Amino acid sequence: MKVFLDCIPCFVRQALHSARQATNNKRIHEEVLRRILRLSAELDMSQSPPAIGRQIHRLTKELTGSDDPYREIKSRFNNLALRLYPELRKRVINSGNPLDTAIRLAIAGNIIDLGVKTSIEESEIEGVIRDCLTADFDSRAVEAFANAVNQAERILYLADNAGEIVLDRLLIERLPIEKVAIAVKGSPVINDATMEDALIAGLPRIVEVIDNGSDAPGTILETCSEPFRGRFQDVDLIIAKGQGNYETLSDSDKNIFFILKAKCPVIARDLGCEVGEMILRKSRAFSDIGDLVKEAE
């Protein structure tokens, strides 16, 4: 998915917010803003939004001297999600359809995205969880997802954000964990989950956790480590969380299920849905194959 003009104000907002998280020095804030505006004027519009985001956040880190401007915020959301986790896990176990409920909660966790918003209140997260548990949802997509999971021998789960990764655990626990590896970012970018966040979520105790070797807020394969690229190519099924992974992998020829909440008009338009809609959708290449098989039958 390429950059749209509507993405550019979001890039500028992200950079300024990141700078303010890193330092109170207004002179540095101004320098970050001026440099990002110059970069925005010259950016390659054919790249994906996370490719531009990677450049922006690298520049912001360089100018502020902070390698992880969102460290405190990530810790706060991890702690919030961990407080919610025991009760939400009971809801999954006691529900009539545990997989459906776990997917809904994983989607609800995708609201914890500081690439889209500069602040998220605890009450907003709790409200989104309630809404996701009761909203209409495509049962056929859940069935297709369950079938894909059952048929796969090797599954790669691409995590998105800190805090959200705790709610991802609710879904990972419903998968055949012996087949699953979960991938986090190789180094900090925005509030994306890293190995530290996976450890806090307790994921290494139940499943293999790897990092992708990249600091892009998505999965840009050419920026990832060779071991990760090998794993990506070898698996049968990829579960990709969040908008950044959708933006970077929506044109992939791999068997991917995208799980996210459509939080901005650009993404919603590309997906053909409403802003705020819950998304569980197969990659275009494999959806087309499935449609052809149905037509032949």
C-alpha atoms as a PDB file:
ATOM      1  CA  MET A   1       0.000   0.000   0.000  1.00  0.00           C
ATOM      2  CA  LYS A   2       1.500   3.330  -1.051  1.00  0.00           C
ATOM      3  CA  VAL A   3       1.518   6.699   0.707  1.00  0.00           C
ATOM      4  CA  PHE A   4      -1.509   8.939   0.170  1.00  0.00           C
ATOM      5  CA  LEU A   5      -1.539  12.724   0.547  1.00  0.00           C
ATOM      6  CA  ASP A   6      -3.716  12.294   3.637  1.00  0.00           C
ATOM      7  CA  CYS A   7      -0.823  10.410   5.287  1.00  0.00           C
ATOM      8  CA  ILE A   8       1.487  13.422   5.327  1.00  0.00           C
ATOM      9  CA  PRO A   9      -0.225  15.398   8.144  1.00  0.00           C
ATOM     10  CA  CYS A  10      -0.141  12.169  10.174  1.00  0.00           C
ATOM     11  CA  PHE A  11       3.629  11.858   9.642  1.00  0.00           C
ATOM     12  CA  VAL A  12       4.153  15.410  10.907  1.00  0.00           C
ATOM     13  CA  ARG A  13       1.920  14.818  13.938  1.00  0.00           C
ATOM     14  CA  GLN A  14       3.745  11.577  14.774  1.00  0.00           C
ATOM     15  CA  ALA A  15       7.143  13.264  14.633  1.00  0.00           C
ATOM     16  CA  LEU A  16       6.138  16.172  16.849  1.00  0.00           C
ATOM     17  CA  HIS A  17       4.450  13.886  19.367  1.00  0.00           C
ATOM     18  CA  SER A  18       7.482  11.606  19.463  1.00  0.00           C
ATOM     19  CA  ALA A  19       9.803  14.571  20.022  1.00  0.00           C
ATOM     20  CA  ARG A  20       7.631  15.810  22.879  1.00  0.00           C
ATOM     21  CA  GLN A  21       7.723  12.366  24.485  1.00  0.00           C
ATOM     22  CA  ALA A  22      11.513  12.383  24.303  1.00  0.00           C
ATOM     23  CA  THR A  23      12.295  15.892  25.559  1.00  0.00           C
ATOM     24  CA  ASN A  24      10.777  19.124  26.871  1.00  0.00           C
ATOM     25  CA  ASN A  25      13.250  21.173  24.827  1.00  0.00           C
ATOM     26  CA  LYS A  26      11.127  23.327  22.492  1.00  0.00           C
ATOM     27  CA  ARG A  27      14.134  24.177  20.350  1.00  0.00           C
ATOM     28  CA  ILE A  28      14.534  20.476  19.560  1.00  0.00           C
ATOM     29  CA  HIS A  29      10.794  20.211  18.890  1.00  0.00           C
ATOM     30  CA  GLU A  30      11.122  22.986  16.320  1.00  0.00           C
ATOM     31  CA  GLU A  31      14.174  21.389  14.705  1.00  0.00           C
ATOM     32  CA  VAL A  32      12.364  18.039  14.442  1.00  0.00           C
ATOM     33  CA  LEU A  33       9.350  19.710  12.865  1.00  0.00           C
ATOM     34  CA  ARG A  34      11.434  21.652  10.328  1.00  0.00           C
ATOM     35  CA  ARG A  35      13.435  18.576   9.329  1.00  0.00           C
ATOM     36  CA  ILE A  36      10.303  16.439   8.981  1.00  0.00           C
ATOM     37  CA  LEU A  37       8.596  19.071   6.839  1.00  0.00           C
ATOM     38  CA  ARG A  38      11.609  19.097   4.513  1.00  0.00           C
ATOM     39  CA  LEU A  39      11.586  15.304   4.372  1.00  0.00           C
ATOM     40  CA  SER A  40       7.833  15.305   3.661  1.00  0.00           C
ATOM     41  CA  ALA A  41       8.311  17.680   0.718  1.00  0.00           C
ATOM     42  CA  GLU A  42      10.693  15.228  -0.942  1.00  0.00           C
ATOM     43  CA  LEU A  43       9.310  11.816   0.036  1.00  0.00           C
ATOM     44  CA  ASP A  44       8.739   9.018  -2.441  1.00  0.00           C
ATOM     45  CA  MET A  45       4.942   8.622  -2.628  1.00  0.00           C
ATOM     46  CA  SER A  46       5.291   5.105  -4.052  1.00  0.00           C
ATOM     47  CA  GLN A  47       6.618   3.771  -0.730  1.00  0.00           C
ATOM     48  CA  SER A  48       4.424   2.377   2.024  1.00  0.00           C
ATOM     49  CA  PRO A  49       3.495   4.597   5.000  1.00  0.00           C
ATOM     50  CA  PRO A  50       5.643   2.509   7.411  1.00  0.00           C
ATOM     51  CA  ALA A  51       8.682   2.999   5.134  1.00  0.00           C
ATOM     52  CA  ILE A  52       8.282   6.768   5.552  1.00  0.00           C
ATOM     53  CA  GLY A  53       7.481   6.311   9.237  1.00  0.00           C
ATOM     54  CA  ARG A  54      10.782   4.471   9.692  1.00  0.00           C
ATOM     55  CA  GLN A  55      12.696   7.430   8.260  1.00  0.00           C
ATOM     56  CA  ILE A  56      10.760   9.915  10.375  1.00  0.00           C
ATOM     57  CA  HIS A  57      11.216   8.103  13.668  1.00  0.00           C
ATOM     58  CA  ARG A  58      14.896   7.435  13.021  1.00  0.00           C
ATOM     59  CA  LEU A  59      15.391  11.161  12.447  1.00  0.00           C
ATOM     60  CA  THR A  60      13.392  12.033  15.575  1.00  0.00           C
ATOM     61  CA  LYS A  61      15.487   9.659  17.697  1.00  0.00           C
ATOM     62  CA  GLU A  62      18.691  11.149  16.288  1.00  0.00           C
ATOM     63  CA  LEU A  63      17.647  14.741  17.024  1.00  0.00           C
ATOM     64  CA  THR A  64      16.259  14.049  20.504  1.00  0.00           C
ATOM     65  CA  GLY A  65      18.923  11.561  21.613  1.00  0.00           C
ATOM     66  CA  SER A  66      16.234   9.117  22.797  1.00  0.00           C
ATOM     67  CA  ASP A  67      16.289   5.541  21.512  1.00  0.00           C
ATOM     68  CA  ASP A  68      12.760   4.835  22.800  1.00  0.00           C
ATOM     69  CA  PRO A  69      10.601   7.967  23.283  1.00  0.00           C
ATOM     70  CA  TYR A  70       7.518   5.867  24.078  1.00  0.00           C
ATOM     71  CA  ARG A  71       9.080   3.650  26.750  1.00  0.00           C
ATOM     72  CA  GLU A  72       6.950   4.979  29.639  1.00  0.00           C
ATOM     73  CA  ILE A  73       3.745   4.916  27.594  1.00  0.00           C
ATOM     74  CA  LYS A  74       4.378   1.330  26.502  1.00  0.00           C
ATOM     75  CA  SER A  75       4.912   0.312  30.111  1.00  0.00           C
ATOM     76  CA  ARG A  76       1.641   1.954  31.116  1.00  0.00           C
ATOM     77  CA  PHE A  77      -0.359   0.136  28.437  1.00  0.00           C
ATOM     78  CA  ASN A  78       1.323  -3.187  29.192  1.00  0.00           C
ATOM     79  CA  ASN A  79       0.363  -2.809  32.854  1.00  0.00           C
ATOM     80  CA  LEU A  80      -3.207  -1.859  31.960  1.00  0.00           C
ATOM     81  CA  ALA A  81      -3.598  -4.859  29.642  1.00  0.00           C
ATOM     82  CA  LEU A  82      -2.122  -7.197  32.253  1.00  0.00           C
ATOM     83  CA  ARG A  83      -4.724  -5.975  34.761  1.00  0.00           C
ATOM     84  CA  LEU A  84      -7.499  -6.675  32.244  1.00  0.00           C
ATOM     85  CA  TYR A  85      -6.097 -10.012  31.062  1.00  0.00           C
ATOM     86  CA  PRO A  86      -7.365 -12.404  33.820  1.00  0.00           C
ATOM     87  CA  GLU A  87     -11.000 -11.330  33.472  1.00  0.00           C
ATOM     88  CA  LEU A  88     -10.829 -11.265  29.669  1.00  0.00           C
ATOM     89  CA  ARG A  89      -9.306 -14.750  29.656  1.00  0.00           C
ATOM     90  CA  LYS A  90     -12.284 -15.989  31.697  1.00  0.00           C
ATOM     91  CA  ARG A  91     -14.612 -14.427  29.128  1.00  0.00           C
ATOM     92  CA  VAL A  92     -12.862 -16.293  26.325  1.00  0.00           C
ATOM     93  CA  ILE A  93     -12.928 -19.636  28.132  1.00  0.00           C
ATOM     94  CA  ASN A  94     -16.583 -19.303  29.163  1.00  0.00           C
ATOM     95  CA  SER A  95     -17.876 -17.995  25.835  1.00  0.00           C
ATOM     96  CA  GLY A  96     -19.902 -20.066  23.411  1.00  0.00           C
ATOM     97  CA  ASN A  97     -17.237 -19.567  20.737  1.00  0.00           C
ATOM     98  CA  PRO A  98     -13.817 -19.015  22.382  1.00  0.00           C
ATOM     99  CA  LEU A  99     -11.973 -18.424  19.084  1.00  0.00           C
ATOM    100  CA  ASP A 100     -14.452 -15.771  17.968  1.00  0.00           C
ATOM    101  CA  THR A 101     -14.225 -14.036  21.354  1.00  0.00           C
ATOM    102  CA  ALA A 102     -10.414 -14.161  21.358  1.00  0.00           C
ATOM    103  CA  ILE A 103     -10.276 -12.633  17.858  1.00  0.00           C
ATOM    104  CA  ARG A 104     -12.630  -9.839  18.936  1.00  0.00           C
ATOM    105  CA  LEU A 105     -10.443  -9.045  21.946  1.00  0.00           C
ATOM    106  CA  ALA A 106      -7.275  -9.107  19.843  1.00  0.00           C
ATOM    107  CA  ILE A 107      -8.930  -6.613  17.489  1.00  0.00           C
ATOM    108  CA  ALA A 108      -9.988  -4.457  20.454  1.00  0.00           C
ATOM    109  CA  GLY A 109      -6.350  -4.338  21.556  1.00  0.00           C
ATOM    110  CA  ASN A 110      -5.434  -2.777  18.218  1.00  0.00           C
ATOM    111  CA  ILE A 111      -6.893   0.524  19.469  1.00  0.00           C
ATOM    112  CA  ILE A 112      -3.624   0.963  21.435  1.00  0.00           C
ATOM    113  CA  ASP A 113      -1.932   2.611  18.448  1.00  0.00           C
ATOM    114  CA  LEU A 114      -0.028   5.856  18.975  1.00  0.00           C
ATOM    115  CA  GLY A 115       0.813   6.009  15.296  1.00  0.00           C
ATOM    116  CA  VAL A 116      -2.818   7.014  14.740  1.00  0.00           C
ATOM    117  CA  LYS A 117      -3.640   8.971  17.922  1.00  0.00           C
ATOM    118  CA  THR A 118      -1.503  10.974  20.325  1.00  0.00           C
ATOM    119  CA  SER A 119      -3.367   9.794  23.428  1.00  0.00           C
ATOM    120  CA  ILE A 120      -5.621   6.922  24.464  1.00  0.00           C
ATOM    121  CA  GLU A 121      -7.489   6.838  27.753  1.00  0.00           C
ATOM    122  CA  GLU A 122      -8.118   3.704  29.786  1.00  0.00           C
ATOM    123  CA  SER A 123     -11.867   4.289  29.547  1.00  0.00           C
ATOM    124  CA  GLU A 124     -11.611   4.373  25.747  1.00  0.00           C
ATOM    125  CA  ILE A 125      -9.861   0.990  25.672  1.00  0.00           C
ATOM    126  CA  GLU A 126     -12.479  -0.534  27.976  1.00  0.00           C
ATOM    127  CA  GLY A 127     -15.234   0.932  25.782  1.00  0.00           C
ATOM    128  CA  VAL A 128     -13.692  -0.525  22.627  1.00  0.00           C
ATOM    129  CA  ILE A 129     -13.462  -3.938  24.308  1.00  0.00           C
ATOM    130  CA  ARG A 130     -17.179  -3.807  25.164  1.00  0.00           C
ATOM    131  CA  ASP A 131     -18.063  -2.716  21.628  1.00  0.00           C
ATOM    132  CA  CYS A 132     -15.938  -5.412  19.982  1.00  0.00           C
ATOM    133  CA  LEU A 133     -17.527  -8.137  22.105  1.00  0.00           C
ATOM    134  CA  THR A 134     -21.030  -7.177  20.979  1.00  0.00           C
ATOM    135  CA  ALA A 135     -20.583  -5.795  17.439  1.00  0.00           C
ATOM    136  CA  ASP A 136     -21.640  -7.684  14.328  1.00  0.00           C
ATOM    137  CA  PHE A 137     -18.797  -9.807  12.998  1.00  0.00           C
ATOM    138  CA  ASP A 138     -18.404 -12.015   9.938  1.00  0.00           C
ATOM    139  CA  SER A 139     -18.751 -15.604  11.190  1.00  0.00           C
ATOM    140  CA  ARG A 140     -17.616 -16.900   7.789  1.00  0.00           C
ATOM    141  CA  ALA A 141     -14.296 -15.087   8.201  1.00  0.00           C
ATOM    142  CA  VAL A 142     -13.831 -16.685  11.623  1.00  0.00           C
ATOM    143  CA  GLU A 143     -14.591 -20.110  10.125  1.00  0.00           C
ATOM    144  CA  ALA A 144     -12.133 -19.513   7.263  1.00  0.00           C
ATOM    145  CA  PHE A 145      -9.500 -18.430   9.780  1.00  0.00           C
ATOM    146  CA  ALA A 146     -10.073 -21.530  11.913  1.00  0.00           C
ATOM    147  CA  ASN A 147      -9.759 -23.764   8.842  1.00  0.00           C
ATOM    148  CA  ALA A 148      -6.530 -22.050   7.772  1.00  0.00           C
ATOM    149  CA  VAL A 149      -5.063 -22.493  11.251  1.00  0.00           C
ATOM    150  CA  ASN A 150      -6.007 -26.186  11.317  1.00  0.00           C
ATOM    151  CA  GLN A 151      -4.467 -26.810   7.898  1.00  0.00           C
ATOM    152  CA  ALA A 152      -1.219 -24.925   8.546  1.00  0.00           C
ATOM    153  CA  GLU A 153       1.932 -26.660   9.762  1.00  0.00           C
ATOM    154  CA  ARG A 154       3.899 -23.475  10.538  1.00  0.00           C
ATOM    155  CA  ILE A 155       2.271 -20.220  11.665  1.00  0.00           C
ATOM    156  CA  LEU A 156       3.910 -16.817  12.113  1.00  0.00           C
ATOM    157  CA  TYR A 157       2.033 -14.225  14.215  1.00  0.00           C
ATOM    158  CA  LEU A 158       3.209 -10.661  13.536  1.00  0.00           C
ATOM    159  CA  ALA A 159       2.597  -8.565  16.656  1.00  0.00           C
ATOM    160  CA  ASP A 160       1.811  -4.870  16.546  1.00  0.00           C
ATOM    161  CA  ASN A 161       1.808  -2.715  19.694  1.00  0.00           C
ATOM    162  CA  ALA A 162       2.771  -2.869  23.359  1.00  0.00           C
ATOM    163  CA  GLY A 163      -0.275  -3.469  25.555  1.00  0.00           C
ATOM    164  CA  GLU A 164      -2.055  -4.908  22.541  1.00  0.00           C
ATOM    165  CA  ILE A 165       0.376  -7.840  22.638  1.00  0.00           C
ATOM    166  CA  VAL A 166      -1.104  -8.891  26.012  1.00  0.00           C
ATOM    167  CA  LEU A 167      -4.541  -9.181  24.386  1.00  0.00           C
ATOM    168  CA  ASP A 168      -2.938 -11.012  21.457  1.00  0.00           C
ATOM    169  CA  ARG A 169      -2.010 -13.670  23.987  1.00  0.00           C
ATOM    170  CA  LEU A 170      -5.725 -14.435  24.403  1.00  0.00           C
ATOM    171  CA  LEU A 171      -5.840 -15.397  20.717  1.00  0.00           C
ATOM    172  CA  ILE A 172      -2.458 -17.130  20.654  1.00  0.00           C
ATOM    173  CA  GLU A 173      -3.659 -19.380  23.491  1.00  0.00           C
ATOM    174  CA  ARG A 174      -6.496 -20.568  21.215  1.00  0.00           C
ATOM    175  CA  LEU A 175      -4.029 -21.583  18.472  1.00  0.00           C
ATOM    176  CA  PRO A 176      -1.988 -24.814  18.243  1.00  0.00           C
ATOM    177  CA  ILE A 177       0.970 -23.174  20.003  1.00  0.00           C
ATOM    178  CA  GLU A 178       3.436 -25.875  18.956  1.00  0.00           C
ATOM    179  CA  LYS A 179       3.006 -24.563  15.392  1.00  0.00           C
ATOM    180  CA  VAL A 180       3.268 -20.862  16.247  1.00  0.00           C
ATOM    181  CA  ALA A 181       6.054 -18.307  16.455  1.00  0.00           C
ATOM    182  CA  ILE A 182       5.307 -14.684  17.290  1.00  0.00           C
ATOM    183  CA  ALA A 183       7.449 -11.895  15.837  1.00  0.00           C
ATOM    184  CA  VAL A 184       8.083  -8.502  17.424  1.00  0.00           C
ATOM    185  CA  LYS A 185      10.095  -5.502  16.225  1.00  0.00           C
ATOM    186  CA  GLY A 186      13.877  -5.660  16.368  1.00  0.00           C
ATOM    187  CA  SER A 187      14.169  -2.238  18.000  1.00  0.00           C
ATOM    188  CA  PRO A 188      11.770   0.455  19.277  1.00  0.00           C
ATOM    189  CA  VAL A 189       9.571   2.482  16.950  1.00  0.00           C
ATOM    190  CA  ILE A 190       6.515   4.400  18.187  1.00  0.00           C
ATOM    191  CA  ASN A 191       4.735   2.072  20.661  1.00  0.00           C
ATOM    192  CA  ASP A 192       5.313  -1.095  18.645  1.00  0.00           C
ATOM    193  CA  ALA A 193       6.027  -4.237  20.661  1.00  0.00           C
ATOM    194  CA  THR A 194       9.625  -5.404  21.077  1.00  0.00           C
ATOM    195  CA  MET A 195      11.072  -8.454  22.824  1.00  0.00           C
ATOM    196  CA  GLU A 196      10.827  -6.609  26.149  1.00  0.00           C
ATOM    197  CA  ASP A 197       7.052  -6.268  25.708  1.00  0.00           C
ATOM    198  CA  ALA A 198       6.703  -9.933  24.722  1.00  0.00           C
ATOM    199  CA  LEU A 199       8.506 -10.898  27.935  1.00  0.00           C
ATOM    200  CA  ILE A 200       6.193  -8.687  29.997  1.00  0.00           C
ATOM    201  CA  ALA A 201       3.187 -10.336  28.319  1.00  0.00           C
ATOM    202  CA  GLY A 202       4.581 -13.750  29.307  1.00  0.00           C
ATOM    203  CA  LEU A 203       4.618 -15.003  25.729  1.00  0.00           C
ATOM    204  CA  PRO A 204       8.014 -16.790  25.770  1.00  0.00           C
ATOM    205  CA  ARG A 205       6.596 -19.111  28.422  1.00  0.00           C
ATOM    206  CA  ILE A 206       4.007 -20.482  25.992  1.00  0.00           C
ATOM    207  CA  VAL A 207       5.286 -19.913  22.464  1.00  0.00           C
ATOM    208  CA  GLU A 208       8.450 -19.196  20.464  1.00  0.00           C
ATOM    209  CA  VAL A 209       9.154 -15.453  20.195  1.00  0.00           C
ATOM    210  CA  ILE A 210      11.498 -13.964  17.587  1.00  0.00           C
ATOM    211  CA  ASP A 211      12.303 -10.426  16.496  1.00  0.00           C
ATOM    212  CA  ASN A 212      12.295  -9.252  12.896  1.00  0.00           C
ATOM    213  CA  GLY A 213      15.518  -7.237  13.133  1.00  0.00           C
ATOM    214  CA  SER A 214      13.801  -4.076  11.898  1.00  0.00           C
ATOM    215  CA  ASP A 215      12.706  -0.722  13.301  1.00  0.00           C
ATOM    216  CA  ALA A 216       9.945  -0.134  10.743  1.00  0.00           C
ATOM    217  CA  PRO A 217       6.373   0.271  12.084  1.00  0.00           C
ATOM    218  CA  GLY A 218       5.216  -2.599   9.890  1.00  0.00           C
ATOM    219  CA  THR A 219       6.888  -5.531   8.126  1.00  0.00           C
ATOM    220  CA  ILE A 220       9.161  -4.290   5.333  1.00  0.00           C
ATOM    221  CA  LEU A 221      10.975  -7.471   4.402  1.00  0.00           C
ATOM    222  CA  GLU A 222      14.048  -5.797   2.912  1.00  0.00           C
ATOM    223  CA  THR A 223      14.686  -4.074   6.265  1.00  0.00           C
ATOM    224  CA  CYS A 224      14.268  -7.300   8.271  1.00  0.00           C
ATOM    225  CA  SER A 225      16.997  -9.721   9.311  1.00  0.00           C
ATOM    226  CA  GLU A 226      17.894 -12.706   7.143  1.00  0.00           C
ATOM    227  CA  PRO A 227      16.678 -15.245   9.763  1.00  0.00           C
ATOM    228  CA  PHE A 228      13.316 -13.501   9.921  1.00  0.00           C
ATOM    229  CA  ARG A 229      12.969 -13.355   6.135  1.00  0.00           C
ATOM    230  CA  GLY A 230      13.694 -17.077   5.990  1.00  0.00           C
ATOM    231  CA  ARG A 231      11.029 -17.798   8.595  1.00  0.00           C
ATOM    232  CA  PHE A 232       8.543 -15.539   6.789  1.00  0.00           C
ATOM    233  CA  GLN A 233       9.028 -17.438   3.539  1.00  0.00           C
ATOM    234  CA  ASP A 234       8.889 -20.902   5.147  1.00  0.00           C
ATOM    235  CA  VAL A 235       5.608 -20.636   7.060  1.00  0.00           C
ATOM    236  CA  ASP A 236       2.232 -21.781   5.726  1.00  0.00           C
ATOM    237  CA  LEU A 237       0.169 -19.090   7.420  1.00  0.00           C
ATOM    238  CA  ILE A 238       0.854 -15.543   8.614  1.00  0.00           C
ATOM    239  CA  ILE A 239      -1.386 -13.724  11.083  1.00  0.00           C
ATOM    240  CA  ALA A 240      -0.654 -10.015  10.734  1.00  0.00           C
ATOM    241  CA  LYS A 241      -1.873  -7.633  13.428  1.00  0.00           C
ATOM    242  CA  GLY A 242      -2.514  -3.948  12.926  1.00  0.00           C
ATOM    243  CA  GLN A 243      -2.532  -1.243  10.299  1.00  0.00           C
ATOM    244  CA  GLY A 244       1.252  -1.115   9.805  1.00  0.00           C
ATOM    245  CA  ASN A 245       1.403  -4.781   8.863  1.00  0.00           C
ATOM    246  CA  TYR A 246      -1.572  -4.320   6.545  1.00  0.00           C
ATOM    247  CA  GLU A 247       0.079  -1.312   4.874  1.00  0.00           C
ATOM    248  CA  THR A 248       3.286  -3.245   4.216  1.00  0.00           C
ATOM    249  CA  LEU A 249       1.891  -6.695   3.389  1.00  0.00           C
ATOM    250  CA  SER A 250      -1.477  -6.063   1.719  1.00  0.00           C
ATOM    251  CA  ASP A 251       0.006  -6.864  -1.717  1.00  0.00           C
ATOM    252  CA  SER A 252       1.977  -9.915  -0.525  1.00  0.00           C
ATOM    253  CA  ASP A 253       1.504 -13.255  -2.258  1.00  0.00           C
ATOM    254  CA  LYS A 254       1.740 -15.087   1.093  1.00  0.00           C
ATOM    255  CA  ASN A 255      -1.192 -16.718   2.881  1.00  0.00           C
ATOM    256  CA  ILE A 256      -2.023 -13.957   5.379  1.00  0.00           C
ATOM    257  CA  PHE A 257      -4.928 -13.154   7.640  1.00  0.00           C
ATOM    258  CA  PHE A 258      -4.989  -9.482   8.603  1.00  0.00           C
ATOM    259  CA  ILE A 259      -6.478  -8.695  12.018  1.00  0.00           C
ATOM    260  CA  LEU A 260      -7.032  -5.043  12.866  1.00  0.00           C
ATOM    261  CA  LYS A 261      -9.399  -2.249  13.665  1.00  0.00           C
ATOM    262  CA  ALA A 262      -9.650   0.225  10.773  1.00  0.00           C
ATOM    263  CA  LYS A 263      -8.716   3.437  12.566  1.00  0.00           C
ATOM    264  CA  CYS A 264      -8.107   5.950   9.785  1.00  0.00           C
ATOM    265  CA  PRO A 265      -9.961   6.912   6.579  1.00  0.00           C
ATOM    266  CA  VAL A 266      -7.039   5.950   4.308  1.00  0.00           C
ATOM    267  CA  ILE A 267      -6.948   2.371   5.625  1.00  0.00           C
ATOM    268  CA  ALA A 268     -10.743   2.125   5.669  1.00  0.00           C
ATOM    269  CA  ARG A 269     -10.911   3.252   2.048  1.00  0.00           C
ATOM    270  CA  ASP A 270      -8.318   0.692   0.969  1.00  0.00           C
ATOM    271  CA  LEU A 271     -10.160  -2.055   2.848  1.00  0.00           C
ATOM    272  CA  GLY A 272     -13.553  -0.901   1.595  1.00  0.00           C
ATOM    273  CA  CYS A 273     -14.963  -0.596   5.110  1.00  0.00           C
ATOM    274  CA  GLU A 274     -16.047   2.013   7.646  1.00  0.00           C
ATOM    275  CA  VAL A 275     -13.671   3.670  10.092  1.00  0.00           C
ATOM    276  CA  GLY A 276     -13.860   1.714  13.358  1.00  0.00           C
ATOM    277  CA  GLU A 277     -14.815  -1.589  11.706  1.00  0.00           C
ATOM    278  CA  MET A 278     -13.330  -4.871  12.955  1.00  0.00           C
ATOM    279  CA  ILE A 279     -11.300  -6.591  10.252  1.00  0.00           C
ATOM    280  CA  LEU A 280     -10.417 -10.269   9.866  1.00  0.00           C
ATOM    281  CA  ARG A 281      -9.502 -10.628   6.224  1.00  0.00           C
ATOM    282  CA  LYS A 282      -7.460 -12.913   4.036  1.00  0.00           C
ATOM    283  CA  SER A 283      -4.738 -11.517   1.775  1.00  0.00           C
ATOM    284  CA  ARG A 284      -5.953 -10.523  -1.680  1.00  0.00           C
ATOM    285  CA  ALA A 285      -3.896 -13.130  -3.531  1.00  0.00           C
ATOM    286  CA  PHE A 286      -5.332 -16.016  -1.526  1.00  0.00           C
ATOM    287  CA  SER A 287      -8.849 -14.559  -1.482  1.00  0.00           C
ATOM    288  CA  ASP A 288      -8.784 -14.469  -5.285  1.00  0.00           C
ATOM    289  CA  ILE A 289      -7.677 -18.128  -5.396  1.00  0.00           C
ATOM    290  CA  GLY A 290     -10.484 -19.065  -3.054  1.00  0.00           C
ATOM    291  CA  ASP A 291     -13.032 -17.244  -5.208  1.00  0.00           C
ATOM    292  CA  LEU A 292     -11.810 -19.084  -8.318  1.00  0.00           C
ATOM    293  CA  VAL A 293     -12.118 -22.458  -6.567  1.00  0.00           C
ATOM    294  CA  LYS A 294     -15.682 -21.650  -5.511  1.00  0.00           C
ATOM    295  CA  GLU A 295     -16.573 -20.615  -9.053  1.00  0.00           C
ATOM    296  CA  ALA A 296     -15.136 -23.874 -10.439  1.00  0.00           C
ATOM    297  CA  GLU A 297     -17.202 -25.878  -7.968  1.00  0.00           C
END
